Amino acid sequence: MEHASATGDITALILSTESHRRETARQHSANIAALKREIVRINALAAGDAGSRATAAGRPAGPRTFGQHDPFRSFPRSKGRRTMGRGER
């Protein structure tokens, strides 16, 4: 009876391993498809294709004009006088 139990355990292990392999292969092919889509999108952006230049927010990603109060642009703040690495004297 011990032989039948070991055979059943081995069979279950083989089935589990095969199931895991198939699931991994499915995820792998989905990742490759997503990667290919991103490569096409990036190539279109690099080529300047206006049709695919929309951002994730849905607005066109054309050139922006920077106003004085544009929240996306940070202006340097005055830090006062710096010693430029000479240390304090």
Protein backbone atom coordinates (compact mmCIF):
# COMPACT_ATOMS: atom_id res chain seq x y z
CA MET A 1 0.00 0.00 0.00
CA GLU A 2 2.94 2.29 0.61
CA HIS A 3 3.91 2.13 -3.08
CA ALA A 4 0.46 3.38 -4.23
CA SER A 5 0.61 6.29 -1.80
CA ALA A 6 4.04 7.38 -3.04
CA THR A 7 2.89 7.13 -6.65
CA GLY A 8 -0.15 9.30 -5.88
CA ASP A 9 2.04 11.90 -4.16
CA ILE A 10 4.44 12.00 -7.10
CA THR A 11 1.56 12.32 -9.55
CA ALA A 12 0.07 15.19 -7.53
CA LEU A 13 3.46 16.91 -7.43
CA ILE A 14 3.88 16.55 -11.21
CA LEU A 15 0.38 17.96 -11.81
CA SER A 16 1.05 20.88 -9.49
CA THR A 17 4.35 21.64 -11.19
CA GLU A 18 2.76 21.51 -14.65
CA SER A 19 -0.07 23.79 -13.54
CA HIS A 20 2.44 26.28 -12.16
CA ARG A 21 4.48 26.12 -15.39
CA ARG A 22 1.38 26.85 -17.51
CA GLU A 23 0.36 29.80 -15.33
CA THR A 24 3.89 31.24 -15.50
CA ALA A 25 3.91 30.84 -19.30
CA ARG A 26 0.56 32.69 -19.53
CA GLN A 27 1.86 35.59 -17.43
CA HIS A 28 5.09 35.63 -19.44
CA SER A 29 3.24 35.99 -22.75
CA ALA A 30 1.05 38.76 -21.27
CA ASN A 31 4.17 40.61 -20.12
CA ILE A 32 5.76 40.28 -23.55
CA ALA A 33 2.61 41.62 -25.23
CA ALA A 34 2.54 44.61 -22.86
CA LEU A 35 6.23 45.24 -23.48
CA LYS A 36 5.71 45.20 -27.25
CA ARG A 37 2.85 47.72 -26.94
CA GLU A 38 5.04 50.04 -24.88
CA ILE A 39 7.90 49.78 -27.39
CA VAL A 40 5.53 50.77 -30.21
CA ARG A 41 4.23 53.69 -28.12
CA ILE A 42 7.73 54.92 -27.25
CA ASN A 43 8.88 54.62 -30.86
CA ALA A 44 5.85 56.64 -31.97
CA LEU A 45 6.68 59.33 -29.40
CA ALA A 46 10.30 59.41 -30.55
CA ALA A 47 9.21 59.74 -34.18
CA GLY A 48 6.94 62.66 -33.26
CA ASP A 49 3.72 60.93 -34.20
CA ALA A 50 1.07 63.46 -33.15
CA GLY A 51 -1.68 60.84 -32.95
CA SER A 52 -0.13 58.98 -30.05
CA ARG A 53 1.19 61.93 -28.06
CA ALA A 54 -1.63 61.97 -25.53
CA THR A 55 -0.66 61.62 -21.90
CA ALA A 56 -2.30 59.39 -19.35
CA ALA A 57 -4.47 62.31 -18.22
CA GLY A 58 -5.95 62.58 -21.71
CA ARG A 59 -4.55 65.96 -22.62
CA PRO A 60 -2.14 66.47 -25.51
CA ALA A 61 1.54 66.40 -24.58
CA GLY A 62 2.48 69.25 -26.88
CA PRO A 63 4.92 72.01 -25.99
CA ARG A 64 3.98 73.91 -22.85
CA THR A 65 4.42 77.60 -22.35
CA PHE A 66 5.69 78.36 -18.88
CA GLY A 67 4.03 81.18 -17.06
CA GLN A 68 5.20 82.73 -13.86
CA HIS A 69 2.81 80.61 -11.77
CA ASP A 70 3.08 77.30 -13.63
CA PRO A 71 2.88 74.52 -10.99
CA PHE A 72 4.98 72.13 -13.10
CA ARG A 73 8.03 74.37 -13.22
CA SER A 74 10.12 75.02 -10.16
CA PHE A 75 12.10 78.21 -9.97
CA PRO A 76 15.36 78.33 -8.03
CA ARG A 77 15.00 79.86 -4.63
CA SER A 78 17.56 82.21 -3.22
CA LYS A 79 19.73 80.35 -0.75
CA GLY A 80 21.74 83.33 0.34
CA ARG A 81 25.50 83.44 0.24
CA ARG A 82 27.18 80.04 0.05
CA THR A 83 30.80 79.24 0.80
CA MET A 84 31.24 76.97 -2.23
CA GLY A 85 32.88 74.10 -0.37
CA ARG A 86 35.51 76.14 1.46
CA GLY A 87 33.92 75.63 4.84
CA GLU A 88 33.37 78.33 7.42
CA ARG A 89 36.19 80.64 8.41
